[in-house]
C-alpha atoms as a PDB file:
ATOM      1  CA  MET A   1     130.446 194.461 115.817  1.00  0.00           C
ATOM      2  CA  SER A   2     132.213 195.424 119.300  1.00  0.00           C
ATOM      3  CA  GLU A   3     132.491 192.648 122.053  1.00  0.00           C
ATOM      4  CA  LEU A   4     130.355 194.970 124.333  1.00  0.00           C
ATOM      5  CA  THR A   5     127.473 194.955 121.771  1.00  0.00           C
ATOM      6  CA  LEU A   6     127.861 191.261 120.951  1.00  0.00           C
ATOM      7  CA  ALA A   7     127.637 190.561 124.659  1.00  0.00           C
ATOM      8  CA  ASN A   8     124.634 192.769 124.868  1.00  0.00           C
ATOM      9  CA  CYS A   9     122.908 190.926 122.142  1.00  0.00           C
ATOM     10  CA  LEU A  10     123.603 187.473 123.502  1.00  0.00           C
ATOM     11  CA  SER A  11     122.060 188.425 126.867  1.00  0.00           C
ATOM     12  CA  LEU A  12     118.948 189.940 125.188  1.00  0.00           C
ATOM     13  CA  PHE A  13     118.510 187.017 122.849  1.00  0.00           C
ATOM     14  CA  LYS A  14     118.680 184.491 125.763  1.00  0.00           C
ATOM     15  CA  LEU A  15     116.053 186.440 127.536  1.00  0.00           C
ATOM     16  CA  ASP A  16     113.810 186.729 124.731  1.00  0.00           C
ATOM     17  CA  MET A  17     114.072 182.841 124.258  1.00  0.00           C
ATOM     18  CA  GLY A  18     114.017 182.253 127.984  1.00  0.00           C
ATOM     19  CA  ILE A  19     117.289 180.511 128.127  1.00  0.00           C
ATOM     20  CA  THR A  20     119.451 180.785 131.539  1.00  0.00           C
ATOM     21  CA  HIS A  21     122.223 178.294 130.768  1.00  0.00           C
ATOM     22  CA  ASN A  22     125.492 178.904 128.561  1.00  0.00           C
ATOM     23  CA  LEU A  23     125.456 175.526 126.805  1.00  0.00           C
ATOM     24  CA  ARG A  24     124.540 176.773 123.311  1.00  0.00           C
ATOM     25  CA  ASP A  25     126.398 180.409 123.624  1.00  0.00           C
ATOM     26  CA  THR A  26     128.834 179.387 120.985  1.00  0.00           C
ATOM     27  CA  LEU A  27     125.879 178.744 118.478  1.00  0.00           C
ATOM     28  CA  PHE A  28     123.844 181.820 119.592  1.00  0.00           C
ATOM     29  CA  ILE A  29     126.892 183.804 119.120  1.00  0.00           C
ATOM     30  CA  ASN A  30     127.351 182.439 115.743  1.00  0.00           C
ATOM     31  CA  LEU A  31     123.867 183.346 115.003  1.00  0.00           C
ATOM     32  CA  ILE A  32     124.044 186.665 116.131  1.00  0.00           C
ATOM     33  CA  GLU A  33     127.094 187.570 114.093  1.00  0.00           C
ATOM     34  CA  ALA A  34     125.605 186.013 110.967  1.00  0.00           C
ATOM     35  CA  SER A  35     122.329 188.052 111.459  1.00  0.00           C
ATOM     36  CA  PHE A  36     124.499 191.241 111.909  1.00  0.00           C
ATOM     37  CA  LYS A  37     126.330 190.490 108.601  1.00  0.00           C
ATOM     38  CA  GLU A  38     122.924 189.690 106.704  1.00  0.00           C
ATOM     39  CA  LEU A  39     121.333 192.942 107.955  1.00  0.00           C
ATOM     40  CA  GLU A  40     124.526 194.639 106.888  1.00  0.00           C
ATOM     41  CA  LYS A  41     124.213 193.324 103.475  1.00  0.00           C
ATOM     42  CA  MET A  42     120.607 194.416 103.181  1.00  0.00           C
ATOM     43  CA  GLY A  43     122.168 197.893 103.630  1.00  0.00           C
ATOM     44  CA  ILE A  44     121.859 198.542 107.302  1.00  0.00           C
ATOM     45  CA  ASP A  45     124.475 200.912 108.713  1.00  0.00           C
ATOM     46  CA  PHE A  46     125.554 199.891 112.210  1.00  0.00           C
ATOM     47  CA  THR A  47     128.479 202.228 112.878  1.00  0.00           C
ATOM     48  CA  ASN A  48     126.691 203.947 115.848  1.00  0.00           C
ATOM     49  CA  GLU A  49     125.642 200.715 117.471  1.00  0.00           C
ATOM     50  CA  THR A  50     122.492 202.198 119.197  1.00  0.00           C
ATOM     51  CA  ALA A  51     120.008 200.591 121.351  1.00  0.00           C
ATOM     52  CA  GLU A  52     117.726 200.418 118.152  1.00  0.00           C
ATOM     53  CA  ASP A  53     120.519 198.385 116.391  1.00  0.00           C
ATOM     54  CA  VAL A  54     121.108 196.032 119.146  1.00  0.00           C
ATOM     55  CA  GLN A  55     117.247 195.179 119.299  1.00  0.00           C
ATOM     56  CA  LEU A  56     116.972 194.949 115.405  1.00  0.00           C
ATOM     57  CA  ILE A  57     119.747 192.440 115.591  1.00  0.00           C
ATOM     58  CA  VAL A  58     118.307 190.517 118.692  1.00  0.00           C
ATOM     59  CA  ASP A  59     114.948 190.262 116.845  1.00  0.00           C
ATOM     60  CA  TYR A  60     116.302 189.228 113.684  1.00  0.00           C
ATOM     61  CA  SER A  61     118.428 186.725 115.409  1.00  0.00           C
ATOM     62  CA  ALA A  62     115.480 185.539 117.516  1.00  0.00           C
ATOM     63  CA  TRP A  63     113.330 185.084 114.389  1.00  0.00           C
ATOM     64  CA  SER A  64     116.156 183.100 112.661  1.00  0.00           C
ATOM     65  CA  TYR A  65     116.566 180.614 115.489  1.00  0.00           C
ATOM     66  CA  ARG A  66     112.928 180.082 115.840  1.00  0.00           C
ATOM     67  CA  LYS A  67     112.125 179.420 112.375  1.00  0.00           C
ATOM     68  CA  ARG A  68     115.516 177.822 111.307  1.00  0.00           C
ATOM     69  CA  GLN A  69     113.349 174.670 110.381  1.00  0.00           C
ATOM     70  CA  GLU A  70     110.469 176.034 108.805  1.00  0.00           C
ATOM     71  CA  ASP A  71     109.961 177.952 105.560  1.00  0.00           C
ATOM     72  CA  VAL A  72     108.212 181.050 107.092  1.00  0.00           C
ATOM     73  CA  GLY A  73     108.434 184.614 105.806  1.00  0.00           C
ATOM     74  CA  LEU A  74     109.996 187.539 107.630  1.00  0.00           C
ATOM     75  CA  PRO A  75     107.237 189.177 109.995  1.00  0.00           C
ATOM     76  CA  ARG A  76     106.002 192.435 108.939  1.00  0.00           C
ATOM     77  CA  ASN A  77     107.353 194.274 112.157  1.00  0.00           C
ATOM     78  CA  LEU A  78     110.826 193.159 111.088  1.00  0.00           C
ATOM     79  CA  GLN A  79     110.385 193.904 107.677  1.00  0.00           C
ATOM     80  CA  PHE A  80     109.341 197.513 108.590  1.00  0.00           C
ATOM     81  CA  LYS A  81     112.180 197.991 110.910  1.00  0.00           C
ATOM     82  CA  ILE A  82     114.673 196.857 108.315  1.00  0.00           C
ATOM     83  CA  HIS A  83     113.090 199.018 105.768  1.00  0.00           C
ATOM     84  CA  ASN A  84     113.092 201.919 107.855  1.00  0.00           C
ATOM     85  CA  ARG A  85     116.722 201.585 108.678  1.00  0.00           C
ATOM     86  CA  VAL A  86     117.459 201.414 104.987  1.00  0.00           C
ATOM     87  CA  ILE A  87     115.422 204.279 104.242  1.00  0.00           C
ATOM     88  CA  GLN A  88     117.176 206.248 106.947  1.00  0.00           C
ATOM     89  CA  LYS A  89     120.705 205.506 105.615  1.00  0.00           C
ATOM     90  CA  VAL A  90     119.655 206.763 102.270  1.00  0.00           C
ATOM     91  CA  GLY A  91     118.177 209.579 103.468  1.00  0.00           C
ATOM     92  CA  ALA A  92     121.067 210.677 105.651  1.00  0.00           C
ATOM     93  CA  SER A  93     123.288 210.289 102.621  1.00  0.00           C
ATOM     94  CA  ASP A  94     121.174 212.584 100.488  1.00  0.00           C
ATOM     95  CA  ALA A  95     121.173 215.403 102.974  1.00  0.00           C
END
């Protein structure tokens, strides 16, 4: 993930969470990078780093942060986004 993408993800993540200070930025950066790696392991290709990619990383990171102390499944909207991205990758490689 490029530094610019990471900075964009961090900014959007903090807006989503309603956080304006920098006290937990190290934690948030680590969470975003871990989410990025997790999504890659699921089969998502982030080579183009589009706005959709950034939003997916932010949404997944926000879900991970909010639900870190609960045993809650992934929301359907995130499941659909991830599934569609994996299918999109497979469809592109078959063409």
